[in-house]
Protein backbone atom coordinates (compact mmCIF):
# COMPACT_ATOMS: atom_id res chain seq x y z
CA MET A 1 -9.59 -12.48 17.76
CA GLN A 2 -12.27 -10.86 15.67
CA LYS A 3 -11.67 -11.51 11.99
CA LEU A 4 -10.58 -8.40 10.13
CA THR A 5 -10.02 -7.55 6.49
CA GLU A 6 -6.39 -6.62 7.07
CA LEU A 7 -4.12 -6.08 4.09
CA ARG A 8 -6.92 -6.41 1.55
CA LEU A 9 -7.33 -4.26 -1.54
CA ARG A 10 -10.62 -2.41 -1.72
CA ALA A 11 -12.37 -2.06 -5.08
CA ALA A 12 -14.61 0.76 -3.86
CA PHE A 13 -12.03 3.35 -4.92
CA VAL A 14 -12.49 2.77 -8.61
CA ALA A 15 -16.20 2.04 -8.40
CA LEU A 16 -16.71 5.47 -6.89
CA ALA A 17 -14.22 7.11 -9.22
CA MET A 18 -16.15 5.93 -12.23
CA MET A 19 -19.26 7.65 -10.91
CA MET A 20 -17.55 10.97 -10.34
CA VAL A 21 -17.11 13.47 -13.14
CA LEU A 22 -14.06 15.62 -12.66
CA GLY A 23 -13.03 18.78 -14.40
CA ALA A 24 -10.07 18.66 -16.73
CA CYS A 25 -6.69 19.37 -15.16
CA GLY A 26 -4.87 22.22 -16.80
CA GLY A 27 -1.18 22.88 -17.13
CA ARG A 28 -0.92 26.02 -15.02
CA ASP A 29 1.98 26.46 -12.58
CA SER A 30 0.97 26.72 -8.95
CA SER A 31 1.41 30.14 -7.34
CA SER A 32 1.67 30.97 -3.65
CA SER A 33 -2.01 31.91 -3.63
CA GLN A 34 -2.85 28.63 -5.30
CA ALA A 35 -0.80 26.79 -2.69
CA GLY A 36 -2.74 28.62 0.00
CA THR A 37 -6.00 27.63 -1.61
CA LEU A 38 -4.80 24.03 -1.78
CA GLY A 39 -4.05 24.04 1.95
CA ASN A 40 -7.41 25.59 2.78
CA THR A 41 -9.17 23.02 0.62
CA ILE A 42 -7.40 20.03 2.17
CA ASP A 43 -7.81 21.42 5.69
CA GLY A 44 -11.54 21.86 5.20
CA LEU A 45 -11.98 18.35 3.83
CA ALA A 46 -9.83 16.74 6.52
CA HIS A 47 -11.44 18.51 9.48
CA ALA A 48 -14.89 17.53 8.20
CA GLU A 49 -13.75 13.93 7.63
CA ILE A 50 -12.30 13.62 11.13
CA GLN A 51 -15.52 14.91 12.65
CA GLN A 52 -17.80 12.74 10.52
CA SER A 53 -15.79 9.50 10.64
CA GLY A 54 -14.51 9.57 14.20
CA VAL A 55 -10.98 8.70 13.05
CA PRO A 56 -8.55 9.62 15.86
CA GLY A 57 -5.93 11.06 13.56
CA MET A 58 -4.62 11.22 10.03
CA THR A 59 -1.90 12.78 7.95
CA VAL A 60 -2.48 13.94 4.39
CA ALA A 61 0.03 14.89 1.72
CA ILE A 62 -0.41 16.27 -1.77
CA ALA A 63 2.74 15.92 -3.86
CA LYS A 64 3.92 16.10 -7.43
CA LYS A 65 7.01 14.29 -8.69
CA GLY A 66 8.22 13.93 -5.13
CA THR A 67 7.76 17.60 -4.22
CA ILE A 68 5.37 18.11 -1.34
CA LEU A 69 2.74 20.69 -2.28
CA TYR A 70 0.95 20.43 1.04
CA ALA A 71 1.21 18.14 4.06
CA GLN A 72 -0.66 18.35 7.33
CA GLY A 73 -1.75 16.29 10.31
CA TYR A 74 -5.25 16.25 11.77
CA GLY A 75 -6.68 14.94 15.02
CA VAL A 76 -4.41 13.05 17.40
CA THR A 77 -1.98 10.18 17.00
CA ASN A 78 -2.41 8.95 20.56
CA LEU A 79 -5.66 9.13 22.50
CA SER A 80 -3.94 8.68 25.85
CA THR A 81 -1.47 11.53 25.45
CA GLN A 82 -3.60 13.57 23.04
CA GLN A 83 -0.52 14.02 20.87
CA THR A 84 -1.46 16.26 17.95
CA ALA A 85 -1.04 14.64 14.56
CA ASP A 86 2.01 15.84 12.64
CA PRO A 87 2.87 14.85 9.03
CA LYS A 88 6.25 13.57 10.22
CA ILE A 89 4.57 10.91 12.38
CA VAL A 90 5.00 7.31 11.19
CA PHE A 91 1.98 5.08 10.48
CA GLU A 92 1.74 1.44 9.47
CA ILE A 93 0.82 1.18 5.79
CA GLY A 94 -0.33 -2.45 5.43
CA SER A 95 -0.59 -3.62 1.86
CA ILE A 96 1.18 -0.61 0.39
CA THR A 97 4.17 -2.77 1.38
CA LYS A 98 3.41 -4.93 -1.65
CA GLN A 99 4.84 -2.45 -4.16
CA PHE A 100 8.14 -2.48 -2.26
CA THR A 101 8.18 -6.28 -2.39
CA ALA A 102 7.40 -6.22 -6.12
CA ALA A 103 10.24 -3.77 -6.71
CA LEU A 104 12.69 -6.08 -4.93
CA ILE A 105 11.59 -8.92 -7.21
CA MET A 106 12.12 -6.76 -10.30
CA LYS A 107 15.60 -5.83 -9.09
CA LEU A 108 16.40 -9.54 -8.82
CA GLN A 109 15.16 -10.05 -12.37
CA GLU A 110 17.40 -7.19 -13.54
CA GLN A 111 20.31 -9.03 -11.88
CA SER A 112 19.33 -12.22 -13.79
CA LYS A 113 18.69 -14.05 -10.52
CA LEU A 114 15.16 -14.94 -11.59
CA HIS A 115 12.58 -14.38 -14.29
CA VAL A 116 8.99 -13.53 -13.47
CA ASP A 117 7.75 -16.43 -15.60
CA ASP A 118 9.79 -18.97 -13.63
CA SER A 119 7.87 -21.65 -11.73
CA VAL A 120 7.64 -20.96 -8.00
CA PRO A 121 8.66 -24.48 -6.81
CA VAL A 122 12.03 -23.97 -8.51
CA TYR A 123 12.81 -21.50 -5.72
CA LEU A 124 10.56 -22.81 -2.94
CA PRO A 125 10.71 -26.61 -3.28
CA GLY A 126 9.40 -29.05 -0.74
CA TYR A 127 6.09 -27.35 0.11
CA GLY A 128 3.98 -28.82 -2.66
CA PHE A 129 3.20 -25.61 -4.55
CA SER A 130 1.85 -26.28 -8.03
CA PRO A 131 4.54 -25.99 -10.73
CA ALA A 132 1.94 -24.10 -12.78
CA ILE A 133 2.30 -21.12 -10.41
CA THR A 134 4.80 -18.57 -11.66
CA ILE A 135 6.38 -15.58 -9.95
CA ARG A 136 4.32 -13.35 -12.25
CA MET A 137 1.14 -14.93 -10.89
CA LEU A 138 2.22 -14.15 -7.35
CA LEU A 139 2.96 -10.54 -8.29
CA ASN A 140 -0.41 -9.94 -9.97
CA HIS A 141 -2.64 -12.16 -7.81
CA THR A 142 -3.53 -14.78 -10.41
CA SER A 143 -1.92 -17.78 -8.67
CA GLY A 144 -5.05 -19.22 -7.08
CA LEU A 145 -3.42 -19.47 -3.63
CA ALA A 146 -5.78 -19.15 -0.66
CA ASP A 147 -5.41 -15.93 1.33
CA PHE A 148 -3.80 -16.62 4.72
CA THR A 149 -5.76 -13.76 6.29
CA ASN A 150 -8.77 -16.08 6.05
CA PHE A 151 -7.09 -18.94 7.93
CA ALA A 152 -8.67 -20.00 11.22
CA ASP A 153 -5.42 -19.60 13.13
CA LEU A 154 -4.62 -16.11 11.83
CA GLY A 155 -5.18 -14.70 15.30
CA GLN A 156 -2.35 -16.86 16.64
CA TRP A 157 -0.04 -15.67 13.85
CA VAL A 158 -0.89 -12.05 14.61
CA ARG A 159 -0.45 -12.30 18.36
CA HIS A 160 2.44 -14.74 18.68
CA GLY A 161 4.17 -14.74 15.31
CA ILE A 162 4.69 -17.51 12.77
CA SER A 163 7.75 -19.17 11.26
CA GLU A 164 8.04 -18.87 7.50
CA PRO A 165 8.21 -22.66 6.93
CA THR A 166 5.02 -23.11 8.94
CA ALA A 167 3.23 -20.32 7.08
CA LEU A 168 4.35 -21.62 3.69
CA THR A 169 3.24 -25.14 4.59
CA GLU A 170 -0.22 -23.94 5.66
CA ILE A 171 -0.61 -21.88 2.49
CA ALA A 172 0.37 -24.84 0.32
CA GLN A 173 -1.92 -27.23 2.19
CA ALA A 174 -4.88 -24.88 1.84
CA GLY A 175 -5.00 -25.79 -1.84
CA LEU A 176 -5.76 -23.75 -4.92
CA GLN A 177 -8.89 -21.65 -5.26
CA PHE A 178 -8.75 -21.82 -9.06
CA LYS A 179 -6.45 -22.92 -11.89
CA PRO A 180 -3.31 -20.75 -11.81
CA GLY A 181 -3.49 -17.91 -14.31
CA SER A 182 -7.19 -18.34 -15.02
CA GLN A 183 -8.50 -15.43 -12.92
CA TYR A 184 -7.65 -12.61 -10.54
CA GLN A 185 -8.20 -12.97 -6.81
CA TYR A 186 -6.37 -10.79 -4.31
CA SER A 187 -4.43 -12.96 -1.87
CA ASN A 188 -1.87 -11.86 0.69
CA SER A 189 -0.34 -15.33 0.46
CA ASN A 190 1.15 -14.38 -2.91
CA PHE A 191 3.34 -11.74 -1.32
CA TYR A 192 4.22 -13.93 1.63
CA LEU A 193 5.76 -16.34 -0.88
CA LEU A 194 7.53 -13.49 -2.66
CA GLY A 195 9.16 -12.40 0.59
CA SER A 196 10.44 -15.92 1.19
CA LEU A 197 11.66 -16.16 -2.40
CA ILE A 198 13.62 -12.91 -2.00
CA GLU A 199 15.29 -14.29 1.10
CA LYS A 200 16.12 -17.59 -0.61
CA LEU A 201 17.82 -15.89 -3.55
CA THR A 202 19.71 -13.23 -1.62
CA GLY A 203 20.64 -15.13 1.52
CA GLN A 204 19.43 -12.10 3.50
CA THR A 205 16.25 -11.45 5.43
CA TYR A 206 13.46 -9.55 3.75
CA ALA A 207 14.04 -6.74 6.25
CA ASP A 208 17.74 -6.55 5.32
CA ASN A 209 16.86 -6.49 1.62
CA LEU A 210 14.59 -3.51 2.20
CA GLU A 211 17.23 -1.72 4.25
CA ARG A 212 20.13 -2.30 1.85
CA SER A 213 18.31 -2.04 -1.47
CA VAL A 214 15.61 0.54 -0.74
CA PHE A 215 15.70 2.46 2.54
CA GLN A 216 19.40 3.37 2.61
CA PRO A 217 20.10 4.09 -1.08
CA LEU A 218 16.90 6.12 -1.52
CA GLY A 219 17.24 7.96 1.76
CA LEU A 220 14.01 6.99 3.51
CA PRO A 221 14.83 7.65 7.18
CA SER A 222 11.25 7.32 8.42
CA THR A 223 10.45 4.01 6.74
CA TYR A 224 10.58 0.76 8.70
CA TYR A 225 10.00 -2.97 8.45
CA ALA A 226 10.32 -3.48 12.21
CA LEU A 227 7.85 -1.55 14.32
CA PRO A 228 9.02 2.08 14.46
CA PRO A 229 10.12 3.74 17.71
CA ALA A 230 7.05 4.55 19.79
CA ASN A 231 7.98 8.22 20.14
CA LEU A 232 7.96 8.61 16.35
CA ALA A 233 4.84 6.58 15.60
CA ALA A 234 1.08 6.85 15.85
CA ALA A 235 -0.82 4.47 18.12
CA GLY A 236 -3.34 2.29 16.28
CA TYR A 237 -7.01 1.91 17.19
CA THR A 238 -10.15 -0.06 16.43
CA ASN A 239 -13.80 0.37 17.39
CA ASN A 240 -15.04 -2.39 19.71
CA GLY A 241 -18.67 -1.26 19.41
CA ALA A 242 -18.52 0.96 22.44
CA GLY A 243 -15.77 3.22 21.15
CA LEU A 244 -12.15 3.36 20.11
CA VAL A 245 -9.70 1.04 21.87
CA PRO A 246 -6.06 0.18 21.18
CA ALA A 247 -5.83 -2.32 18.34
CA ILE A 248 -3.90 -5.57 18.33
CA ILE A 249 -0.64 -4.79 16.56
CA TRP A 250 0.40 -7.53 14.18
CA ASP A 251 3.59 -9.45 14.74
CA ARG A 252 5.83 -8.57 11.80
CA SER A 253 6.23 -12.23 10.89
CA ALA A 254 2.49 -12.47 10.19
CA ALA A 255 2.29 -9.40 7.97
CA PHE A 256 5.76 -10.01 6.46
CA ALA A 257 6.24 -9.01 2.80
CA ALA A 258 2.50 -8.58 2.34
CA GLY A 259 2.07 -5.69 4.75
CA ALA A 260 4.57 -5.13 7.59
CA MET A 261 5.96 -1.73 6.65
CA SER A 262 5.53 1.67 8.31
CA THR A 263 6.38 5.15 7.02
CA ASN A 264 5.28 8.78 6.92
CA VAL A 265 3.86 10.90 4.12
CA TYR A 266 7.20 12.48 3.26
CA ASP A 267 9.03 9.21 2.69
CA LEU A 268 6.09 7.71 0.82
CA ALA A 269 5.91 10.70 -1.57
CA LYS A 270 9.64 10.34 -2.22
CA TRP A 271 9.24 6.61 -2.81
CA ASP A 272 6.50 7.26 -5.38
CA ASP A 273 8.74 9.61 -7.34
CA ASP A 274 11.79 7.35 -7.06
CA LEU A 275 9.77 4.40 -8.34
CA MET A 276 8.39 6.35 -11.29
CA SER A 277 11.69 8.03 -12.12
CA GLY A 278 13.87 4.93 -12.48
CA ARG A 279 15.77 5.26 -9.22
CA VAL A 280 14.33 2.01 -7.84
CA VAL A 281 13.96 -0.22 -10.89
CA SER A 282 14.54 0.27 -14.60
CA ALA A 283 11.97 1.88 -16.89
CA SER A 284 11.30 -1.55 -18.37
CA SER A 285 10.71 -3.07 -14.94
CA PHE A 286 8.39 -0.23 -13.95
CA GLN A 287 6.43 -0.71 -17.16
CA GLN A 288 5.96 -4.36 -16.23
CA MET A 289 4.85 -3.36 -12.73
CA THR A 290 2.20 -1.07 -14.22
CA THR A 291 0.94 -3.50 -16.85
CA SER A 292 -2.49 -5.03 -16.24
CA ASN A 293 -2.82 -8.72 -15.44
CA GLY A 294 -5.61 -8.80 -18.03
CA PHE A 295 -8.45 -9.09 -15.54
CA PHE A 296 -10.72 -6.21 -14.55
CA GLN A 297 -13.04 -5.82 -11.57
CA ASN A 298 -15.21 -2.75 -11.09
CA GLY A 299 -13.09 -0.85 -13.59
CA PHE A 300 -9.67 -1.58 -12.08
CA SER A 301 -6.96 -4.11 -12.69
CA TYR A 302 -3.72 -5.14 -11.00
CA GLY A 303 -0.08 -5.03 -12.04
CA PHE A 304 2.84 -6.06 -9.82
CA GLY A 305 2.06 -4.83 -6.30
CA LEU A 306 0.03 -1.97 -7.73
CA ALA A 307 -3.65 -1.48 -8.50
CA LEU A 308 -4.29 0.18 -11.87
CA SER A 309 -7.21 2.26 -13.04
CA THR A 310 -8.14 5.46 -14.83
CA PHE A 311 -9.44 8.58 -13.16
CA SER A 312 -10.88 11.35 -15.31
CA ASN A 313 -9.41 9.45 -18.28
CA ARG A 314 -5.93 9.50 -16.75
CA LYS A 315 -3.95 6.42 -15.71
CA LEU A 316 -3.58 5.97 -11.99
CA MET A 317 -1.53 3.58 -9.87
CA TRP A 318 -2.70 3.19 -6.30
CA HIS A 319 -2.96 0.91 -3.33
CA SER A 320 -4.75 0.90 -0.02
CA GLY A 321 -3.49 -0.73 3.13
CA GLN A 322 -5.26 -2.07 6.20
CA ILE A 323 -3.67 -3.73 9.22
CA GLY A 324 -4.30 -3.81 12.97
CA GLY A 325 -4.83 -0.21 14.06
CA PHE A 326 -4.23 1.49 10.72
CA THR A 327 -5.49 2.22 7.21
CA ALA A 328 -3.64 4.01 4.43
CA GLU A 329 -3.88 4.95 0.77
CA ASN A 330 -1.38 6.04 -1.85
CA ALA A 331 -2.61 7.19 -5.29
CA VAL A 332 -0.40 8.54 -8.11
CA PHE A 333 -1.19 9.73 -11.62
CA LEU A 334 1.18 8.06 -14.06
CA ASP A 335 1.28 11.00 -16.46
CA ASN A 336 2.66 13.68 -14.13
CA GLY A 337 3.23 12.13 -10.71
CA PHE A 338 0.45 14.02 -8.92
CA THR A 339 0.03 12.16 -5.64
CA VAL A 340 -2.48 11.90 -2.81
CA ILE A 341 -1.42 10.12 0.39
CA VAL A 342 -3.66 9.50 3.41
CA LEU A 343 -2.43 7.68 6.53
CA THR A 344 -4.73 7.00 9.50
CA ASN A 345 -4.59 5.27 12.89
CA ASP A 346 -8.04 3.64 12.65
CA GLN A 347 -8.20 0.11 11.22
CA ASP A 348 -11.94 0.34 10.53
CA TYR A 349 -11.79 3.49 8.41
CA ASP A 350 -12.15 3.27 4.62
CA THR A 351 -9.73 5.74 3.03
CA ASP A 352 -11.13 5.34 -0.49
CA GLN A 353 -13.94 7.85 -0.33
CA PHE A 354 -11.79 10.50 1.33
CA VAL A 355 -9.07 10.16 -1.32
CA LEU A 356 -11.76 10.59 -3.96
CA LYS A 357 -13.06 13.71 -2.23
CA ILE A 358 -9.56 15.17 -2.39
CA LEU A 359 -9.10 14.28 -6.05
CA ASN A 360 -12.49 15.71 -6.89
CA ALA A 361 -11.87 18.93 -4.96
CA VAL A 362 -8.41 19.52 -6.39
CA CYS A 363 -8.61 18.16 -9.93
CA GLY A 364 -12.14 19.45 -10.45
CA SER A 365 -11.37 22.96 -9.21
CA ALA A 366 -10.93 25.91 -11.57
CA GLU A 367 -8.34 27.33 -9.16
CA LEU A 368 -6.46 24.14 -8.36
CA GLY A 369 -6.88 22.13 -11.54
CA GLY A 370 -3.44 23.15 -12.73
CA THR A 371 -1.92 21.52 -9.67
CA CYS A 372 -3.40 18.14 -10.48
């Protein structure tokens, strides 16, 4: 299998953001005419992006504090059936999964079942993980663990699945890339371990934890750990050099707590608001999730399952996701919950620049600035 950059965080978002000068966002309430202008603006950007990028389909949502201001689908979600994209359609979201995993960890801390500064081998003994690695280091990518998406046998994991003990053993045997806590390096292995740790402490599968602690209580009917029903989901694609072809869909055991989830723009916008509003974790836990690990690359840092940066001098939490057949991005201003969500069914597409185009067009607009 061709090596991909699945589940990896892209720094291009902030690098570009720093180069863009946006207009100040006012405090005006949106009117019906403003909402119409917002739709026209997003439609124009999305149609142009589809044509220029060759992405089969995408859904885009603009929201604020969980309220959808505009949501639309563009292109098609299935090249065989030519099914028109609809914002209700479910897409895989890759590494956006990580913030859900981080929230489950914080809930366990609130229940006094762990502390983020505990040593990992206390909970996952027998694999040879360094006692210097803490849960905090897994959450903010400072553990030094090698990224399993770089392993030579990743293709076998993706196609045929992998048992957790085998995956944990391989991660441990790969050795440390640096002294734990000494630097930041994004590694999907960190969140693989966190998923296993959640299971160890709860006696339930990671999927059951999501269902019982997140999906059901929050009311997220279109959010899945298992692959969603085909009639509700987009088909994923990749470019083989000659054109778009169906992508290899990852076995859930390979993506696991680092990137196995799927959802649509409506559920993701609700999740963003629930997370910020204290309906998922406490205000103290959310503050910890949005606190920098102390390391900065290209103007951004990392908290717990969330990338952190500033955009037009405003704090932003965001994350991109990439997995077989799909890319996604979720960006939220921490001051007022203004949100941009882009989900696509093309694993080779970089969502960063398009999200920035949207932010620039909306936040920098005299007409729409009050929306932002």
